[in-house]
C-alpha atoms as a PDB file:
ATOM      1  CA  UNK A   1      -7.201   7.595  -5.167  1.00  0.00           C
ATOM      2  CA  UNK A   2      -5.018  10.319  -3.659  1.00  0.00           C
ATOM      3  CA  UNK A   3      -7.272  12.936  -5.244  1.00  0.00           C
ATOM      4  CA  UNK A   4     -10.220  11.463  -3.334  1.00  0.00           C
ATOM      5  CA  UNK A   5      -8.191  11.528  -0.097  1.00  0.00           C
ATOM      6  CA  UNK A   6      -7.307  15.167  -0.758  1.00  0.00           C
ATOM      7  CA  UNK A   7     -10.985  16.006  -1.240  1.00  0.00           C
ATOM      8  CA  UNK A   8     -12.161  14.058   1.823  1.00  0.00           C
ATOM      9  CA  UNK A   9      -9.291  15.162   4.144  1.00  0.00           C
ATOM     10  CA  UNK A  10      -9.527  12.295   6.665  1.00  0.00           C
ATOM     11  CA  UNK A  11      -8.276  12.333  10.266  1.00  0.00           C
ATOM     12  CA  UNK A  12      -6.514   8.994   9.694  1.00  0.00           C
ATOM     13  CA  UNK A  13      -6.011   6.524   6.851  1.00  0.00           C
ATOM     14  CA  UNK A  14      -6.615   2.803   7.350  1.00  0.00           C
ATOM     15  CA  UNK A  15      -5.164   0.404   4.781  1.00  0.00           C
ATOM     16  CA  UNK A  16      -6.183  -3.151   4.090  1.00  0.00           C
ATOM     17  CA  UNK A  17      -2.857  -4.098   2.522  1.00  0.00           C
ATOM     18  CA  UNK A  18      -3.288  -7.122   0.306  1.00  0.00           C
ATOM     19  CA  UNK A  19      -0.581  -8.049  -2.169  1.00  0.00           C
ATOM     20  CA  UNK A  20      -2.296 -10.649  -4.351  1.00  0.00           C
ATOM     21  CA  UNK A  21      -2.148  -8.322  -7.372  1.00  0.00           C
ATOM     22  CA  UNK A  22       1.635  -8.888  -7.458  1.00  0.00           C
ATOM     23  CA  UNK A  23       2.887 -10.050 -10.858  1.00  0.00           C
ATOM     24  CA  UNK A  24       4.118 -13.370  -9.397  1.00  0.00           C
ATOM     25  CA  UNK A  25       0.883 -14.187  -7.583  1.00  0.00           C
ATOM     26  CA  UNK A  26      -0.739 -17.302  -9.062  1.00  0.00           C
ATOM     27  CA  UNK A  27      -4.305 -16.231  -8.262  1.00  0.00           C
ATOM     28  CA  UNK A  28      -4.307 -12.467  -8.811  1.00  0.00           C
ATOM     29  CA  UNK A  29      -3.669 -12.386 -12.548  1.00  0.00           C
ATOM     30  CA  UNK A  30      -2.364  -8.815 -12.294  1.00  0.00           C
ATOM     31  CA  UNK A  31       1.016  -7.285 -13.022  1.00  0.00           C
ATOM     32  CA  UNK A  32       1.792  -5.106 -10.007  1.00  0.00           C
ATOM     33  CA  UNK A  33       5.460  -4.978  -8.979  1.00  0.00           C
ATOM     34  CA  UNK A  34       6.813  -4.588  -5.470  1.00  0.00           C
ATOM     35  CA  UNK A  35       8.143  -1.168  -6.508  1.00  0.00           C
ATOM     36  CA  UNK A  36       4.622  -0.131  -7.467  1.00  0.00           C
ATOM     37  CA  UNK A  37       3.335  -1.187  -4.048  1.00  0.00           C
ATOM     38  CA  UNK A  38       6.036   0.977  -2.481  1.00  0.00           C
ATOM     39  CA  UNK A  39       5.101   3.948  -4.654  1.00  0.00           C
ATOM     40  CA  UNK A  40       1.392   3.566  -3.874  1.00  0.00           C
ATOM     41  CA  UNK A  41       2.184   3.460  -0.161  1.00  0.00           C
ATOM     42  CA  UNK A  42       4.453   6.503  -0.458  1.00  0.00           C
ATOM     43  CA  UNK A  43       1.640   8.518  -2.049  1.00  0.00           C
ATOM     44  CA  UNK A  44      -0.790   7.445   0.664  1.00  0.00           C
ATOM     45  CA  UNK A  45       1.702   8.432   3.388  1.00  0.00           C
ATOM     46  CA  UNK A  46       2.164  11.835   1.732  1.00  0.00           C
ATOM     47  CA  UNK A  47      -1.612  12.345   1.732  1.00  0.00           C
ATOM     48  CA  UNK A  48      -1.750  11.300   5.393  1.00  0.00           C
ATOM     49  CA  UNK A  49       0.942  13.859   6.198  1.00  0.00           C
ATOM     50  CA  UNK A  50      -1.100  16.579   4.483  1.00  0.00           C
ATOM     51  CA  UNK A  51      -4.438  15.760   6.101  1.00  0.00           C
ATOM     52  CA  UNK A  52      -4.098  13.324   9.001  1.00  0.00           C
ATOM     53  CA  UNK A  53      -0.948  14.341  10.884  1.00  0.00           C
ATOM     54  CA  UNK A  54       0.737  11.310   9.263  1.00  0.00           C
ATOM     55  CA  UNK A  55      -1.650   8.811  10.864  1.00  0.00           C
ATOM     56  CA  UNK A  56      -1.701   5.599   8.801  1.00  0.00           C
ATOM     57  CA  UNK A  57      -2.691   2.146  10.041  1.00  0.00           C
ATOM     58  CA  UNK A  58      -1.817  -0.709   7.690  1.00  0.00           C
ATOM     59  CA  UNK A  59      -3.180  -4.227   8.193  1.00  0.00           C
ATOM     60  CA  UNK A  60      -1.504  -7.027   6.254  1.00  0.00           C
ATOM     61  CA  UNK A  61      -3.979  -9.054   4.202  1.00  0.00           C
ATOM     62  CA  UNK A  62      -1.469 -11.234   2.371  1.00  0.00           C
ATOM     63  CA  UNK A  63      -0.884 -12.733  -1.046  1.00  0.00           C
ATOM     64  CA  UNK A  64      -0.249 -16.214  -2.437  1.00  0.00           C
ATOM     65  CA  UNK A  65       3.313 -16.070  -3.744  1.00  0.00           C
ATOM     66  CA  UNK A  66       5.687 -15.930  -0.784  1.00  0.00           C
ATOM     67  CA  UNK A  67       8.591 -14.278  -2.650  1.00  0.00           C
ATOM     68  CA  UNK A  68       6.333 -11.660  -4.207  1.00  0.00           C
ATOM     69  CA  UNK A  69       4.595 -11.116  -0.886  1.00  0.00           C
ATOM     70  CA  UNK A  70       7.887 -10.684   0.996  1.00  0.00           C
ATOM     71  CA  UNK A  71       9.257  -8.218  -1.556  1.00  0.00           C
ATOM     72  CA  UNK A  72       5.994  -6.259  -1.630  1.00  0.00           C
ATOM     73  CA  UNK A  73       5.695  -6.082   2.149  1.00  0.00           C
ATOM     74  CA  UNK A  74       9.317  -4.925   2.340  1.00  0.00           C
ATOM     75  CA  UNK A  75       8.627  -2.045  -0.067  1.00  0.00           C
ATOM     76  CA  UNK A  76       5.365  -1.227   1.719  1.00  0.00           C
ATOM     77  CA  UNK A  77       6.978  -1.051   5.168  1.00  0.00           C
ATOM     78  CA  UNK A  78       9.910   1.011   3.871  1.00  0.00           C
ATOM     79  CA  UNK A  79       7.443   3.527   2.433  1.00  0.00           C
ATOM     80  CA  UNK A  80       5.556   3.657   5.734  1.00  0.00           C
ATOM     81  CA  UNK A  81       8.750   4.429   7.693  1.00  0.00           C
END
């Protein structure tokens, strides 16, 4: 995904930040950890710094496991800061 951002070179990056792929989520059926969400966000922020003067807008979409959601959002926000 970052490669595509590097090729496109946007003026801003908008994120629809859903966390239902978290490993604890009962509906997602995926295995994403909160640390992975943080790392993904970090890479997006780095791309935004290269191409968009650091402009990132993240909109919380949610998830269905409250503990997994809270931990994922925490990692996401830390990476945005």
